């Protein structure tokens, strides 16, 4: 894994009130749109890592962004945000002290 070069934030998102607990994540409304949106953020280098934690009630995202406001702004257009499927639980600055180097 390449170490992020800019300010790094850990974002926790949780299921929102519109989440249908009877459906798998990929069967929630607007899954293709949400997945495409998140993939774009990763492709653009804004999201470094991300995915569901445990049973999927929360999701962890590692962002490289200049500020917390920039992180929140990047997630605002996510279709699942507007639909109430996901909410931001926290955005926390992260000082990375350890990382596996690829130059072994």
PDB file of N, CA and C in Angstrom:
ATOM      1  N   UNK A   1       0.839  -1.180   0.000  1.00  0.00           N
ATOM      2  CA  UNK A   1       0.000   0.000   0.000  1.00  0.00           C
ATOM      3  C   UNK A   1       0.880   1.237   0.000  1.00  0.00           C
ATOM      4  N   UNK A   2       0.559   2.165  -0.824  1.00  0.00           N
ATOM      5  CA  UNK A   2       1.298   3.415  -0.872  1.00  0.00           C
ATOM      6  C   UNK A   2       0.780   4.347   0.219  1.00  0.00           C
ATOM      7  N   UNK A   3       1.693   4.944   0.946  1.00  0.00           N
ATOM      8  CA  UNK A   3       1.320   5.868   2.013  1.00  0.00           C
ATOM      9  C   UNK A   3       0.744   7.144   1.414  1.00  0.00           C
ATOM     10  N   UNK A   4      -0.404   7.648   1.959  1.00  0.00           N
ATOM     11  CA  UNK A   4      -0.958   8.908   1.469  1.00  0.00           C
ATOM     12  C   UNK A   4       0.051  10.042   1.625  1.00  0.00           C
ATOM     13  N   UNK A   5       0.002  11.002   0.725  1.00  0.00           N
ATOM     14  CA  UNK A   5       0.961  12.101   0.747  1.00  0.00           C
ATOM     15  C   UNK A   5       0.402  13.372   1.367  1.00  0.00           C
ATOM     16  N   UNK A   6      -0.900  13.502   1.422  1.00  0.00           N
ATOM     17  CA  UNK A   6      -1.518  14.707   1.979  1.00  0.00           C
ATOM     18  C   UNK A   6      -2.167  14.424   3.314  1.00  0.00           C
ATOM     19  N   UNK A   7      -2.897  15.408   3.849  1.00  0.00           N
ATOM     20  CA  UNK A   7      -3.640  15.181   5.089  1.00  0.00           C
ATOM     21  C   UNK A   7      -4.592  13.991   4.934  1.00  0.00           C
ATOM     22  N   UNK A   8      -4.658  13.166   5.969  1.00  0.00           N
ATOM     23  CA  UNK A   8      -5.448  11.940   5.920  1.00  0.00           C
ATOM     24  C   UNK A   8      -6.539  11.988   6.985  1.00  0.00           C
ATOM     25  N   UNK A   9      -7.706  11.492   6.619  1.00  0.00           N
ATOM     26  CA  UNK A   9      -8.849  11.443   7.528  1.00  0.00           C
ATOM     27  C   UNK A   9      -9.453  10.050   7.515  1.00  0.00           C
ATOM     28  N   UNK A  10      -9.899   9.598   8.696  1.00  0.00           N
ATOM     29  CA  UNK A  10     -10.657   8.360   8.802  1.00  0.00           C
ATOM     30  C   UNK A  10     -12.119   8.755   8.949  1.00  0.00           C
ATOM     31  N   UNK A  11     -12.945   8.193   8.083  1.00  0.00           N
ATOM     32  CA  UNK A  11     -14.376   8.502   8.090  1.00  0.00           C
ATOM     33  C   UNK A  11     -15.136   7.233   8.452  1.00  0.00           C
ATOM     34  N   UNK A  12     -16.025   7.357   9.422  1.00  0.00           N
ATOM     35  CA  UNK A  12     -16.947   6.278   9.738  1.00  0.00           C
ATOM     36  C   UNK A  12     -18.330   6.708   9.276  1.00  0.00           C
ATOM     37  N   UNK A  13     -18.946   5.827   8.468  1.00  0.00           N
ATOM     38  CA  UNK A  13     -20.332   6.060   8.047  1.00  0.00           C
ATOM     39  C   UNK A  13     -21.168   4.916   8.618  1.00  0.00           C
ATOM     40  N   UNK A  14     -22.410   5.219   8.933  1.00  0.00           N
ATOM     41  CA  UNK A  14     -23.322   4.202   9.465  1.00  0.00           C
ATOM     42  C   UNK A  14     -24.585   4.163   8.613  1.00  0.00           C
ATOM     43  N   UNK A  15     -25.283   3.065   8.741  1.00  0.00           N
ATOM     44  CA  UNK A  15     -26.547   2.927   8.034  1.00  0.00           C
ATOM     45  C   UNK A  15     -27.511   4.009   8.496  1.00  0.00           C
ATOM     46  N   UNK A  16     -28.211   4.595   7.531  1.00  0.00           N
ATOM     47  CA  UNK A  16     -29.185   5.627   7.848  1.00  0.00           C
ATOM     48  C   UNK A  16     -30.589   5.056   8.016  1.00  0.00           C
ATOM     49  N   UNK A  17     -31.566   5.926   8.265  1.00  0.00           N
ATOM     50  CA  UNK A  17     -32.927   5.470   8.530  1.00  0.00           C
ATOM     51  C   UNK A  17     -33.600   4.790   7.338  1.00  0.00           C
ATOM     52  N   UNK A  18     -33.121   5.033   6.132  1.00  0.00           N
ATOM     53  CA  UNK A  18     -33.733   4.429   4.948  1.00  0.00           C
ATOM     54  C   UNK A  18     -33.147   3.049   4.615  1.00  0.00           C
ATOM     55  N   UNK A  19     -32.131   2.616   5.361  1.00  0.00           N
ATOM     56  CA  UNK A  19     -31.491   1.320   5.083  1.00  0.00           C
ATOM     57  C   UNK A  19     -32.491   0.202   5.325  1.00  0.00           C
ATOM     58  N   UNK A  20     -32.620  -0.704   4.389  1.00  0.00           N
ATOM     59  CA  UNK A  20     -33.503  -1.860   4.522  1.00  0.00           C
ATOM     60  C   UNK A  20     -32.673  -3.031   5.035  1.00  0.00           C
ATOM     61  N   UNK A  21     -32.813  -3.345   6.309  1.00  0.00           N
ATOM     62  CA  UNK A  21     -32.005  -4.402   6.947  1.00  0.00           C
ATOM     63  C   UNK A  21     -32.327  -5.793   6.420  1.00  0.00           C
ATOM     64  N   UNK A  22     -33.404  -5.935   5.645  1.00  0.00           N
ATOM     65  CA  UNK A  22     -33.731  -7.246   5.073  1.00  0.00           C
ATOM     66  C   UNK A  22     -32.971  -7.495   3.780  1.00  0.00           C
ATOM     67  N   UNK A  23     -32.287  -6.462   3.276  1.00  0.00           N
ATOM     68  CA  UNK A  23     -31.569  -6.577   2.005  1.00  0.00           C
ATOM     69  C   UNK A  23     -30.067  -6.505   2.209  1.00  0.00           C
ATOM     70  N   UNK A  24     -29.326  -7.240   1.392  1.00  0.00           N
ATOM     71  CA  UNK A  24     -27.867  -7.153   1.346  1.00  0.00           C
ATOM     72  C   UNK A  24     -27.478  -5.768   0.821  1.00  0.00           C
ATOM     73  N   UNK A  25     -26.281  -5.332   1.143  1.00  0.00           N
ATOM     74  CA  UNK A  25     -25.783  -4.025   0.713  1.00  0.00           C
ATOM     75  C   UNK A  25     -25.976  -3.811  -0.792  1.00  0.00           C
ATOM     76  N   UNK A  26     -25.628  -4.799  -1.584  1.00  0.00           N
ATOM     77  CA  UNK A  26     -25.705  -4.649  -3.039  1.00  0.00           C
ATOM     78  C   UNK A  26     -27.136  -4.681  -3.568  1.00  0.00           C
ATOM     79  N   UNK A  27     -28.090  -4.965  -2.700  1.00  0.00           N
ATOM     80  CA  UNK A  27     -29.498  -4.973  -3.104  1.00  0.00           C
ATOM     81  C   UNK A  27     -30.252  -3.740  -2.615  1.00  0.00           C
ATOM     82  N   UNK A  28     -29.550  -2.837  -1.927  1.00  0.00           N
ATOM     83  CA  UNK A  28     -30.191  -1.592  -1.497  1.00  0.00           C
ATOM     84  C   UNK A  28     -30.519  -0.741  -2.730  1.00  0.00           C
ATOM     85  N   UNK A  29     -31.464   0.161  -2.561  1.00  0.00           N
ATOM     86  CA  UNK A  29     -31.838   1.051  -3.670  1.00  0.00           C
ATOM     87  C   UNK A  29     -30.610   1.838  -4.141  1.00  0.00           C
ATOM     88  N   UNK A  30     -30.516   2.030  -5.434  1.00  0.00           N
ATOM     89  CA  UNK A  30     -29.472   2.848  -6.077  1.00  0.00           C
ATOM     90  C   UNK A  30     -28.055   2.328  -5.810  1.00  0.00           C
ATOM     91  N   UNK A  31     -27.906   1.017  -5.610  1.00  0.00           N
ATOM     92  CA  UNK A  31     -26.563   0.458  -5.428  1.00  0.00           C
ATOM     93  C   UNK A  31     -25.639   0.791  -6.587  1.00  0.00           C
ATOM     94  N   UNK A  32     -26.032   0.594  -7.856  1.00  0.00           N
ATOM     95  CA  UNK A  32     -25.083   0.875  -8.943  1.00  0.00           C
ATOM     96  C   UNK A  32     -24.604   2.327  -8.949  1.00  0.00           C
ATOM     97  N   UNK A  33     -25.486   3.260  -8.654  1.00  0.00           N
ATOM     98  CA  UNK A  33     -25.112   4.673  -8.628  1.00  0.00           C
ATOM     99  C   UNK A  33     -24.157   4.967  -7.470  1.00  0.00           C
ATOM    100  N   UNK A  34     -24.459   4.402  -6.299  1.00  0.00           N
ATOM    101  CA  UNK A  34     -23.581   4.587  -5.139  1.00  0.00           C
ATOM    102  C   UNK A  34     -22.202   3.986  -5.401  1.00  0.00           C
ATOM    103  N   UNK A  35     -22.174   2.755  -5.922  1.00  0.00           N
ATOM    104  CA  UNK A  35     -20.895   2.086  -6.191  1.00  0.00           C
ATOM    105  C   UNK A  35     -20.073   2.866  -7.206  1.00  0.00           C
ATOM    106  N   UNK A  36     -20.714   3.360  -8.252  1.00  0.00           N
ATOM    107  CA  UNK A  36     -20.003   4.147  -9.269  1.00  0.00           C
ATOM    108  C   UNK A  36     -19.445   5.431  -8.658  1.00  0.00           C
ATOM    109  N   UNK A  37     -20.217   6.073  -7.806  1.00  0.00           N
ATOM    110  CA  UNK A  37     -19.769   7.300  -7.147  1.00  0.00           C
ATOM    111  C   UNK A  37     -18.535   7.031  -6.284  1.00  0.00           C
ATOM    112  N   UNK A  38     -18.601   5.983  -5.462  1.00  0.00           N
ATOM    113  CA  UNK A  38     -17.485   5.664  -4.573  1.00  0.00           C
ATOM    114  C   UNK A  38     -16.259   5.234  -5.372  1.00  0.00           C
ATOM    115  N   UNK A  39     -16.466   4.470  -6.432  1.00  0.00           N
ATOM    116  CA  UNK A  39     -15.346   4.060  -7.289  1.00  0.00           C
ATOM    117  C   UNK A  39     -14.659   5.264  -7.921  1.00  0.00           C
ATOM    118  N   UNK A  40     -15.436   6.283  -8.285  1.00  0.00           N
ATOM    119  CA  UNK A  40     -14.839   7.512  -8.840  1.00  0.00           C
ATOM    120  C   UNK A  40     -13.957   8.201  -7.804  1.00  0.00           C
ATOM    121  N   UNK A  41     -14.434   8.272  -6.552  1.00  0.00           N
ATOM    122  CA  UNK A  41     -13.612   8.891  -5.502  1.00  0.00           C
ATOM    123  C   UNK A  41     -12.302   8.128  -5.305  1.00  0.00           C
ATOM    124  N   UNK A  42     -12.367   6.807  -5.370  1.00  0.00           N
ATOM    125  CA  UNK A  42     -11.148   5.996  -5.235  1.00  0.00           C
ATOM    126  C   UNK A  42     -10.241   6.188  -6.450  1.00  0.00           C
ATOM    127  N   UNK A  43     -10.833   6.179  -7.634  1.00  0.00           N
ATOM    128  CA  UNK A  43     -10.048   6.362  -8.860  1.00  0.00           C
ATOM    129  C   UNK A  43      -9.348   7.720  -8.864  1.00  0.00           C
ATOM    130  N   UNK A  44     -10.029   8.742  -8.343  1.00  0.00           N
ATOM    131  CA  UNK A  44      -9.460  10.090  -8.305  1.00  0.00           C
ATOM    132  C   UNK A  44      -8.452  10.273  -7.176  1.00  0.00           C
ATOM    133  N   UNK A  45      -8.269   9.237  -6.345  1.00  0.00           N
ATOM    134  CA  UNK A  45      -7.285   9.308  -5.274  1.00  0.00           C
ATOM    135  C   UNK A  45      -7.775   9.994  -4.014  1.00  0.00           C
ATOM    136  N   UNK A  46      -9.059  10.315  -3.955  1.00  0.00           N
ATOM    137  CA  UNK A  46      -9.611  10.963  -2.772  1.00  0.00           C
ATOM    138  C   UNK A  46      -9.781   9.940  -1.659  1.00  0.00           C
ATOM    139  N   UNK A  47     -10.321   8.768  -2.008  1.00  0.00           N
ATOM    140  CA  UNK A  47     -10.424   7.670  -1.055  1.00  0.00           C
ATOM    141  C   UNK A  47      -9.239   6.742  -1.285  1.00  0.00           C
ATOM    142  N   UNK A  48      -8.511   6.474  -0.208  1.00  0.00           N
ATOM    143  CA  UNK A  48      -7.336   5.607  -0.273  1.00  0.00           C
ATOM    144  C   UNK A  48      -7.738   4.149  -0.031  1.00  0.00           C
ATOM    145  N   UNK A  49      -8.610   3.939   0.940  1.00  0.00           N
ATOM    146  CA  UNK A  49      -9.114   2.611   1.306  1.00  0.00           C
ATOM    147  C   UNK A  49     -10.554   2.767   1.759  1.00  0.00           C
ATOM    148  N   UNK A  50     -11.325   1.711   1.660  1.00  0.00           N
ATOM    149  CA  UNK A  50     -12.679   1.782   2.191  1.00  0.00           C
ATOM    150  C   UNK A  50     -13.389   0.456   2.126  1.00  0.00           C
ATOM    151  N   UNK A  51     -14.368   0.285   3.007  1.00  0.00           N
ATOM    152  CA  UNK A  51     -15.200  -0.896   2.991  1.00  0.00           C
ATOM    153  C   UNK A  51     -15.961  -1.064   4.284  1.00  0.00           C
ATOM    154  N   UNK A  52     -16.945  -1.972   4.269  1.00  0.00           N
ATOM    155  CA  UNK A  52     -17.762  -2.217   5.455  1.00  0.00           C
ATOM    156  C   UNK A  52     -16.951  -2.854   6.581  1.00  0.00           C
ATOM    157  N   UNK A  53     -17.330  -2.553   7.808  1.00  0.00           N
ATOM    158  CA  UNK A  53     -16.736  -3.153   9.000  1.00  0.00           C
ATOM    159  C   UNK A  53     -17.669  -4.248   9.516  1.00  0.00           C
ATOM    160  N   UNK A  54     -17.106  -5.346   9.925  1.00  0.00           N
ATOM    161  CA  UNK A  54     -17.891  -6.421  10.540  1.00  0.00           C
ATOM    162  C   UNK A  54     -19.075  -6.844   9.704  1.00  0.00           C
ATOM    163  N   UNK A  55     -20.254  -6.748  10.291  1.00  0.00           N
ATOM    164  CA  UNK A  55     -21.492  -7.144   9.619  1.00  0.00           C
ATOM    165  C   UNK A  55     -22.002  -6.078   8.661  1.00  0.00           C
ATOM    166  N   UNK A  56     -21.283  -4.971   8.531  1.00  0.00           N
ATOM    167  CA  UNK A  56     -21.648  -3.940   7.567  1.00  0.00           C
ATOM    168  C   UNK A  56     -22.523  -2.823   8.091  1.00  0.00           C
ATOM    169  N   UNK A  57     -22.697  -2.749   9.404  1.00  0.00           N
ATOM    170  CA  UNK A  57     -23.511  -1.659   9.949  1.00  0.00           C
ATOM    171  C   UNK A  57     -22.788  -0.322   9.861  1.00  0.00           C
ATOM    172  N   UNK A  58     -21.459  -0.390   9.795  1.00  0.00           N
ATOM    173  CA  UNK A  58     -20.647   0.820   9.621  1.00  0.00           C
ATOM    174  C   UNK A  58     -19.635   0.566   8.519  1.00  0.00           C
ATOM    175  N   UNK A  59     -19.183   1.656   7.923  1.00  0.00           N
ATOM    176  CA  UNK A  59     -18.182   1.599   6.862  1.00  0.00           C
ATOM    177  C   UNK A  59     -17.029   2.509   7.242  1.00  0.00           C
ATOM    178  N   UNK A  60     -15.814   2.053   6.991  1.00  0.00           N
ATOM    179  CA  UNK A  60     -14.622   2.847   7.237  1.00  0.00           C
ATOM    180  C   UNK A  60     -14.059   3.304   5.902  1.00  0.00           C
ATOM    181  N   UNK A  61     -13.747   4.579   5.806  1.00  0.00           N
ATOM    182  CA  UNK A  61     -13.122   5.154   4.613  1.00  0.00           C
ATOM    183  C   UNK A  61     -11.877   5.910   5.055  1.00  0.00           C
ATOM    184  N   UNK A  62     -10.801   5.775   4.306  1.00  0.00           N
ATOM    185  CA  UNK A  62      -9.598   6.565   4.531  1.00  0.00           C
ATOM    186  C   UNK A  62      -9.506   7.552   3.378  1.00  0.00           C
ATOM    187  N   UNK A  63      -9.565   8.826   3.723  1.00  0.00           N
ATOM    188  CA  UNK A  63      -9.561   9.912   2.744  1.00  0.00           C
ATOM    189  C   UNK A  63      -8.232  10.645   2.756  1.00  0.00           C
ATOM    190  N   UNK A  64      -7.817  11.091   1.600  1.00  0.00           N
ATOM    191  CA  UNK A  64      -6.732  12.053   1.482  1.00  0.00           C
ATOM    192  C   UNK A  64      -7.382  13.338   0.982  1.00  0.00           C
ATOM    193  N   UNK A  65      -7.436  14.343   1.868  1.00  0.00           N
ATOM    194  CA  UNK A  65      -8.148  15.585   1.554  1.00  0.00           C
ATOM    195  C   UNK A  65      -7.539  16.725   2.362  1.00  0.00           C
ATOM    196  N   UNK A  66      -7.722  17.958   1.911  1.00  0.00           N
ATOM    197  CA  UNK A  66      -7.105  19.075   2.622  1.00  0.00           C
ATOM    198  C   UNK A  66      -7.761  19.415   3.963  1.00  0.00           C
ATOM    199  N   UNK A  67      -9.031  18.993   4.166  1.00  0.00           N
ATOM    200  CA  UNK A  67      -9.733  19.368   5.389  1.00  0.00           C
ATOM    201  C   UNK A  67     -10.942  18.464   5.615  1.00  0.00           C
ATOM    202  N   UNK A  68     -11.493  18.538   6.818  1.00  0.00           N
ATOM    203  CA  UNK A  68     -12.724  17.811   7.111  1.00  0.00           C
ATOM    204  C   UNK A  68     -13.856  18.310   6.222  1.00  0.00           C
ATOM    205  N   UNK A  69     -13.900  19.618   6.002  1.00  0.00           N
ATOM    206  CA  UNK A  69     -14.941  20.181   5.139  1.00  0.00           C
ATOM    207  C   UNK A  69     -14.861  19.598   3.732  1.00  0.00           C
ATOM    208  N   UNK A  70     -13.645  19.391   3.233  1.00  0.00           N
ATOM    209  CA  UNK A  70     -13.466  18.805   1.901  1.00  0.00           C
ATOM    210  C   UNK A  70     -13.953  17.357   1.875  1.00  0.00           C
ATOM    211  N   UNK A  71     -13.727  16.614   2.952  1.00  0.00           N
ATOM    212  CA  UNK A  71     -14.209  15.231   3.046  1.00  0.00           C
ATOM    213  C   UNK A  71     -15.730  15.220   2.996  1.00  0.00           C
ATOM    214  N   UNK A  72     -16.346  16.060   3.801  1.00  0.00           N
ATOM    215  CA  UNK A  72     -17.814  16.119   3.840  1.00  0.00           C
ATOM    216  C   UNK A  72     -18.380  16.553   2.485  1.00  0.00           C
ATOM    217  N   UNK A  73     -17.724  17.499   1.852  1.00  0.00           N
ATOM    218  CA  UNK A  73     -18.177  17.953   0.533  1.00  0.00           C
ATOM    219  C   UNK A  73     -18.047  16.856  -0.512  1.00  0.00           C
ATOM    220  N   UNK A  74     -16.996  16.041  -0.411  1.00  0.00           N
ATOM    221  CA  UNK A  74     -16.793  14.949  -1.371  1.00  0.00           C
ATOM    222  C   UNK A  74     -17.884  13.890  -1.238  1.00  0.00           C
ATOM    223  N   UNK A  75     -18.367  13.651  -0.013  1.00  0.00           N
ATOM    224  CA  UNK A  75     -19.386  12.625   0.212  1.00  0.00           C
ATOM    225  C   UNK A  75     -20.810  13.133   0.006  1.00  0.00           C
ATOM    226  N   UNK A  76     -21.004  14.432   0.040  1.00  0.00           N
ATOM    227  CA  UNK A  76     -22.355  14.997  -0.070  1.00  0.00           C
ATOM    228  C   UNK A  76     -23.114  14.554  -1.324  1.00  0.00           C
ATOM    229  N   UNK A  77     -22.470  14.459  -2.506  1.00  0.00           N
ATOM    230  CA  UNK A  77     -23.209  14.047  -3.708  1.00  0.00           C
ATOM    231  C   UNK A  77     -23.508  12.554  -3.809  1.00  0.00           C
ATOM    232  N   UNK A  78     -23.035  11.755  -2.844  1.00  0.00           N
ATOM    233  CA  UNK A  78     -23.308  10.313  -2.876  1.00  0.00           C
ATOM    234  C   UNK A  78     -24.823  10.106  -2.859  1.00  0.00           C
ATOM    235  N   UNK A  79     -25.375   9.363  -3.812  1.00  0.00           N
ATOM    236  CA  UNK A  79     -26.823   9.139  -3.818  1.00  0.00           C
ATOM    237  C   UNK A  79     -27.337   8.538  -2.509  1.00  0.00           C
ATOM    238  N   UNK A  80     -26.544   7.714  -1.861  1.00  0.00           N
ATOM    239  CA  UNK A  80     -26.978   7.102  -0.609  1.00  0.00           C
ATOM    240  C   UNK A  80     -27.047   8.107   0.535  1.00  0.00           C
ATOM    241  N   UNK A  81     -26.312   9.211   0.431  1.00  0.00           N
ATOM    242  CA  UNK A  81     -26.405  10.262   1.446  1.00  0.00           C
ATOM    243  C   UNK A  81     -27.771  10.930   1.350  1.00  0.00           C
ATOM    244  N   UNK A  82     -28.107  11.388   0.156  1.00  0.00           N
ATOM    245  CA  UNK A  82     -29.387  12.087  -0.056  1.00  0.00           C
ATOM    246  C   UNK A  82     -30.585  11.189   0.241  1.00  0.00           C
ATOM    247  N   UNK A  83     -30.439   9.893  -0.015  1.00  0.00           N
ATOM    248  CA  UNK A  83     -31.537   8.953   0.180  1.00  0.00           C
ATOM    249  C   UNK A  83     -31.672   8.499   1.629  1.00  0.00           C
ATOM    250  N   UNK A  84     -30.724   8.864   2.486  1.00  0.00           N
ATOM    251  CA  UNK A  84     -30.779   8.458   3.879  1.00  0.00           C
ATOM    252  C   UNK A  84     -30.331   7.036   4.132  1.00  0.00           C
ATOM    253  N   UNK A  85     -29.594   6.462   3.170  1.00  0.00           N
ATOM    254  CA  UNK A  85     -29.078   5.101   3.363  1.00  0.00           C
ATOM    255  C   UNK A  85     -27.789   5.087   4.179  1.00  0.00           C
ATOM    256  N   UNK A  86     -26.976   6.122   4.056  1.00  0.00           N
ATOM    257  CA  UNK A  86     -25.739   6.240   4.832  1.00  0.00           C
ATOM    258  C   UNK A  86     -25.642   7.638   5.426  1.00  0.00           C
ATOM    259  N   UNK A  87     -25.089   7.699   6.638  1.00  0.00           N
ATOM    260  CA  UNK A  87     -24.836   8.966   7.315  1.00  0.00           C
ATOM    261  C   UNK A  87     -23.390   8.980   7.794  1.00  0.00           C
ATOM    262  N   UNK A  88     -22.818  10.151   7.884  1.00  0.00           N
ATOM    263  CA  UNK A  88     -21.468  10.276   8.437  1.00  0.00           C
ATOM    264  C   UNK A  88     -21.566  10.222   9.955  1.00  0.00           C
ATOM    265  N   UNK A  89     -20.842   9.290  10.538  1.00  0.00           N
ATOM    266  CA  UNK A  89     -20.762   9.178  11.995  1.00  0.00           C
ATOM    267  C   UNK A  89     -19.641  10.063  12.532  1.00  0.00           C
ATOM    268  N   UNK A  90     -18.482  10.035  11.856  1.00  0.00           N
ATOM    269  CA  UNK A  90     -17.352  10.855  12.292  1.00  0.00           C
ATOM    270  C   UNK A  90     -16.352  11.037  11.166  1.00  0.00           C
ATOM    271  N   UNK A  91     -15.637  12.151  11.240  1.00  0.00           N
ATOM    272  CA  UNK A  91     -14.504  12.448  10.364  1.00  0.00           C
ATOM    273  C   UNK A  91     -13.366  12.844  11.295  1.00  0.00           C
ATOM    274  N   UNK A  92     -12.291  12.049  11.286  1.00  0.00           N
ATOM    275  CA  UNK A  92     -11.207  12.250  12.239  1.00  0.00           C
ATOM    276  C   UNK A  92      -9.875  12.359  11.514  1.00  0.00           C
ATOM    277  N   UNK A  93      -9.093  13.416  11.786  1.00  0.00           N
ATOM    278  CA  UNK A  93      -7.749  13.482  11.214  1.00  0.00           C
ATOM    279  C   UNK A  93      -6.915  12.303  11.711  1.00  0.00           C
ATOM    280  N   UNK A  94      -6.050  11.786  10.827  1.00  0.00           N
ATOM    281  CA  UNK A  94      -5.249  10.606  11.165  1.00  0.00           C
ATOM    282  C   UNK A  94      -3.794  10.874  10.814  1.00  0.00           C
ATOM    283  N   UNK A  95      -2.929  10.762  11.801  1.00  0.00           N
ATOM    284  CA  UNK A  95      -1.490  10.869  11.580  1.00  0.00           C
ATOM    285  C   UNK A  95      -0.938   9.464  11.411  1.00  0.00           C
ATOM    286  N   UNK A  96      -0.570   9.106  10.201  1.00  0.00           N
ATOM    287  CA  UNK A  96      -0.060   7.770   9.929  1.00  0.00           C
ATOM    288  C   UNK A  96       1.412   7.698  10.308  1.00  0.00           C
ATOM    289  N   UNK A  97       1.714   6.827  11.257  1.00  0.00           N
ATOM    290  CA  UNK A  97       3.089   6.645  11.707  1.00  0.00           C
ATOM    291  C   UNK A  97       3.698   5.349  11.193  1.00  0.00           C
ATOM    292  N   UNK A  98       2.848   4.381  10.872  1.00  0.00           N
ATOM    293  CA  UNK A  98       3.321   3.093  10.394  1.00  0.00           C
ATOM    294  C   UNK A  98       2.644   2.747   9.074  1.00  0.00           C
ATOM    295  N   UNK A  99       3.402   2.234   8.160  1.00  0.00           N
ATOM    296  CA  UNK A  99       2.862   1.733   6.892  1.00  0.00           C
ATOM    297  C   UNK A  99       3.848   0.737   6.324  1.00  0.00           C
ATOM    298  N   UNK A 100       3.335  -0.264   5.693  1.00  0.00           N
ATOM    299  CA  UNK A 100       4.194  -1.255   5.052  1.00  0.00           C
ATOM    300  C   UNK A 100       4.764  -0.630   3.792  1.00  0.00           C
ATOM    301  N   UNK A 101       6.056  -0.656   3.646  1.00  0.00           N
ATOM    302  CA  UNK A 101       6.700  -0.114   2.452  1.00  0.00           C
ATOM    303  C   UNK A 101       6.667  -1.153   1.326  1.00  0.00           C
ATOM    304  N   UNK A 102       6.559  -0.692   0.121  1.00  0.00           N
ATOM    305  CA  UNK A 102       6.579  -1.564  -1.045  1.00  0.00           C
ATOM    306  C   UNK A 102       8.002  -1.760  -1.561  1.00  0.00           C
ATOM    307  N   UNK A 103       8.990  -1.156  -0.899  1.00  0.00           N
ATOM    308  CA  UNK A 103      10.383  -1.201  -1.359  1.00  0.00           C
ATOM    309  C   UNK A 103      11.184  -2.295  -0.665  1.00  0.00           C
ATOM    310  N   UNK A 104      10.544  -3.368  -0.237  1.00  0.00           N
ATOM    311  CA  UNK A 104      11.240  -4.418   0.528  1.00  0.00           C
ATOM    312  C   UNK A 104      12.534  -4.778  -0.072  1.00  0.00           C
TER     313      UNK A 104
END
